């Protein structure tokens, strides 16, 4: 049901690691992969929807955080 959306989010999250400092990139990649593995058996569509939404919010927050840091240098 959410397969395409989940795969798109996974790719988007991995691509977003290009916007964080190189020293933290592997940390975020590991967390992204770990999060997807932890929820791979989730079947509740409402829970999946909530996880997808929260993941996007977190991704945007992290990107904004590092963009603000770069502009203040």
N, C-alpha and C. Protein backbone atom coordinates (compact mmCIF):
# COMPACT_ATOMS: atom_id res chain seq x y z
N UNK A 1 0.82 -1.19 0.00
CA UNK A 1 0.00 0.00 0.00
C UNK A 1 0.87 1.26 0.00
N UNK A 2 1.85 1.30 0.87
CA UNK A 2 2.73 2.46 0.97
C UNK A 2 4.11 2.17 0.39
N UNK A 3 4.27 1.08 -0.29
CA UNK A 3 5.58 0.63 -0.75
C UNK A 3 6.34 1.70 -1.55
N UNK A 4 5.69 2.29 -2.55
CA UNK A 4 6.36 3.32 -3.37
C UNK A 4 6.73 4.53 -2.53
N UNK A 5 5.83 4.93 -1.66
CA UNK A 5 6.09 6.09 -0.82
C UNK A 5 7.26 5.83 0.14
N UNK A 6 7.30 4.62 0.69
CA UNK A 6 8.38 4.26 1.60
C UNK A 6 9.72 4.24 0.87
N UNK A 7 9.76 3.64 -0.31
CA UNK A 7 11.01 3.59 -1.08
C UNK A 7 11.47 4.98 -1.50
N UNK A 8 10.54 5.83 -1.88
CA UNK A 8 10.88 7.21 -2.24
C UNK A 8 11.46 7.95 -1.04
N UNK A 9 10.82 7.79 0.10
CA UNK A 9 11.32 8.44 1.31
C UNK A 9 12.72 7.94 1.65
N UNK A 10 12.95 6.64 1.53
CA UNK A 10 14.26 6.07 1.82
C UNK A 10 15.33 6.71 0.93
N UNK A 11 15.05 6.79 -0.36
CA UNK A 11 16.00 7.42 -1.28
C UNK A 11 16.20 8.90 -0.95
N UNK A 12 15.11 9.59 -0.65
CA UNK A 12 15.20 11.01 -0.30
C UNK A 12 16.04 11.22 0.96
N UNK A 13 15.82 10.37 1.95
CA UNK A 13 16.59 10.49 3.19
C UNK A 13 18.08 10.26 2.94
N UNK A 14 18.39 9.23 2.17
CA UNK A 14 19.80 8.96 1.87
C UNK A 14 20.42 10.12 1.09
N UNK A 15 19.69 10.67 0.13
CA UNK A 15 20.21 11.82 -0.62
C UNK A 15 20.41 13.03 0.28
N UNK A 16 19.55 13.19 1.26
CA UNK A 16 19.63 14.35 2.14
C UNK A 16 20.91 14.34 2.97
N UNK A 17 21.54 13.18 3.11
CA UNK A 17 22.79 13.13 3.88
C UNK A 17 23.91 13.89 3.18
N UNK A 18 23.72 14.22 1.91
CA UNK A 18 24.71 15.04 1.20
C UNK A 18 24.70 16.48 1.70
N UNK A 19 23.68 16.84 2.46
CA UNK A 19 23.55 18.22 2.95
C UNK A 19 24.03 18.39 4.39
N UNK A 20 24.53 17.32 4.97
CA UNK A 20 25.07 17.41 6.33
C UNK A 20 26.59 17.36 6.25
N UNK A 21 27.29 17.77 7.29
CA UNK A 21 28.76 17.70 7.26
C UNK A 21 29.25 16.27 6.98
N UNK A 22 30.29 16.17 6.21
CA UNK A 22 30.83 14.86 5.82
C UNK A 22 31.16 13.99 7.03
N UNK A 23 31.57 14.61 8.10
CA UNK A 23 31.94 13.85 9.30
C UNK A 23 30.73 13.17 9.95
N UNK A 24 29.52 13.63 9.64
CA UNK A 24 28.30 13.06 10.22
C UNK A 24 27.49 12.23 9.24
N UNK A 25 27.92 12.21 8.01
CA UNK A 25 27.14 11.52 6.97
C UNK A 25 26.93 10.04 7.29
N UNK A 26 27.98 9.34 7.67
CA UNK A 26 27.84 7.90 7.96
C UNK A 26 26.93 7.67 9.16
N UNK A 27 26.95 8.58 10.14
CA UNK A 27 26.05 8.48 11.30
C UNK A 27 24.60 8.52 10.85
N UNK A 28 24.26 9.49 10.00
CA UNK A 28 22.88 9.62 9.55
C UNK A 28 22.47 8.47 8.64
N UNK A 29 23.36 8.00 7.80
CA UNK A 29 23.04 6.85 6.94
C UNK A 29 22.73 5.62 7.80
N UNK A 30 23.54 5.39 8.81
CA UNK A 30 23.32 4.24 9.70
C UNK A 30 21.97 4.36 10.41
N UNK A 31 21.62 5.57 10.85
CA UNK A 31 20.34 5.77 11.52
C UNK A 31 19.16 5.58 10.58
N UNK A 32 19.31 6.05 9.36
CA UNK A 32 18.24 5.88 8.37
C UNK A 32 18.01 4.39 8.12
N UNK A 33 19.08 3.67 7.85
CA UNK A 33 18.97 2.23 7.59
C UNK A 33 18.40 1.50 8.80
N UNK A 34 18.88 1.85 9.97
CA UNK A 34 18.39 1.21 11.19
C UNK A 34 16.91 1.45 11.43
N UNK A 35 16.46 2.67 11.13
CA UNK A 35 15.05 3.00 11.29
C UNK A 35 14.17 2.20 10.35
N UNK A 36 14.62 2.05 9.13
CA UNK A 36 13.84 1.28 8.16
C UNK A 36 13.82 -0.20 8.53
N UNK A 37 14.93 -0.71 8.99
CA UNK A 37 14.99 -2.12 9.40
C UNK A 37 14.08 -2.35 10.61
N UNK A 38 14.11 -1.41 11.55
CA UNK A 38 13.30 -1.55 12.76
C UNK A 38 11.79 -1.57 12.46
N UNK A 39 11.39 -0.93 11.38
CA UNK A 39 9.96 -0.83 11.08
C UNK A 39 9.54 -1.64 9.85
N UNK A 40 10.42 -2.53 9.37
CA UNK A 40 10.14 -3.24 8.12
C UNK A 40 8.91 -4.15 8.20
N UNK A 41 8.56 -4.61 9.38
CA UNK A 41 7.42 -5.52 9.52
C UNK A 41 6.14 -4.81 9.94
N UNK A 42 6.19 -3.49 9.97
CA UNK A 42 5.01 -2.71 10.37
C UNK A 42 3.88 -2.93 9.37
N UNK A 43 2.69 -3.23 9.86
CA UNK A 43 1.54 -3.49 8.99
C UNK A 43 0.39 -2.51 9.19
N UNK A 44 0.39 -1.81 10.31
CA UNK A 44 -0.69 -0.86 10.60
C UNK A 44 -0.53 0.38 9.71
N UNK A 45 -1.48 0.59 8.82
CA UNK A 45 -1.36 1.68 7.85
C UNK A 45 -1.31 3.06 8.51
N UNK A 46 -2.03 3.24 9.60
CA UNK A 46 -1.99 4.53 10.30
C UNK A 46 -0.61 4.76 10.91
N UNK A 47 -0.05 3.72 11.47
CA UNK A 47 1.30 3.81 12.06
C UNK A 47 2.33 4.10 10.97
N UNK A 48 2.22 3.43 9.82
CA UNK A 48 3.14 3.67 8.71
C UNK A 48 3.05 5.12 8.26
N UNK A 49 1.83 5.60 8.14
CA UNK A 49 1.61 6.99 7.73
C UNK A 49 2.27 7.96 8.72
N UNK A 50 2.12 7.66 10.01
CA UNK A 50 2.69 8.50 11.06
C UNK A 50 4.23 8.47 10.99
N UNK A 51 4.79 7.29 10.77
CA UNK A 51 6.24 7.14 10.69
C UNK A 51 6.79 7.92 9.49
N UNK A 52 6.11 7.81 8.35
CA UNK A 52 6.54 8.53 7.14
C UNK A 52 6.52 10.03 7.38
N UNK A 53 5.45 10.51 7.98
CA UNK A 53 5.30 11.94 8.25
C UNK A 53 6.40 12.43 9.18
N UNK A 54 6.64 11.69 10.25
CA UNK A 54 7.65 12.08 11.23
C UNK A 54 9.05 12.05 10.60
N UNK A 55 9.30 11.08 9.75
CA UNK A 55 10.61 10.98 9.09
C UNK A 55 10.87 12.19 8.21
N UNK A 56 9.85 12.62 7.48
CA UNK A 56 10.00 13.82 6.63
C UNK A 56 10.27 15.05 7.48
N UNK A 57 9.53 15.18 8.58
CA UNK A 57 9.72 16.32 9.47
C UNK A 57 11.15 16.33 10.03
N UNK A 58 11.61 15.17 10.47
CA UNK A 58 12.96 15.07 11.02
C UNK A 58 14.01 15.41 9.97
N UNK A 59 13.82 14.91 8.74
CA UNK A 59 14.76 15.19 7.66
C UNK A 59 14.83 16.70 7.41
N UNK A 60 13.69 17.35 7.33
CA UNK A 60 13.66 18.79 7.09
C UNK A 60 14.32 19.57 8.22
N UNK A 61 14.08 19.15 9.46
CA UNK A 61 14.68 19.81 10.61
C UNK A 61 16.21 19.71 10.56
N UNK A 62 16.71 18.52 10.27
CA UNK A 62 18.16 18.31 10.23
C UNK A 62 18.81 19.12 9.12
N UNK A 63 18.19 19.12 7.95
CA UNK A 63 18.74 19.89 6.82
C UNK A 63 18.76 21.37 7.17
N UNK A 64 17.67 21.88 7.72
CA UNK A 64 17.60 23.30 8.10
C UNK A 64 18.65 23.63 9.16
N UNK A 65 18.84 22.72 10.10
CA UNK A 65 19.82 22.92 11.17
C UNK A 65 21.22 23.14 10.59
N UNK A 66 21.63 22.31 9.66
CA UNK A 66 22.96 22.43 9.09
C UNK A 66 23.06 23.58 8.10
N UNK A 67 21.98 23.92 7.45
CA UNK A 67 22.01 25.08 6.56
C UNK A 67 22.15 26.36 7.37
N UNK A 68 21.48 26.44 8.52
CA UNK A 68 21.62 27.62 9.37
C UNK A 68 23.03 27.72 9.92
N UNK A 69 23.61 26.59 10.26
CA UNK A 69 24.97 26.57 10.78
C UNK A 69 25.96 27.08 9.74
N UNK A 70 25.75 26.68 8.48
CA UNK A 70 26.65 27.12 7.43
C UNK A 70 26.52 28.60 7.15
N UNK A 71 25.33 29.16 7.26
CA UNK A 71 25.14 30.58 6.97
C UNK A 71 25.68 31.48 8.08
N UNK A 72 25.85 30.93 9.28
CA UNK A 72 26.37 31.74 10.39
C UNK A 72 27.89 31.72 10.45
N UNK A 73 28.53 30.93 9.59
CA UNK A 73 30.01 30.86 9.60
C UNK A 73 30.60 32.05 8.91
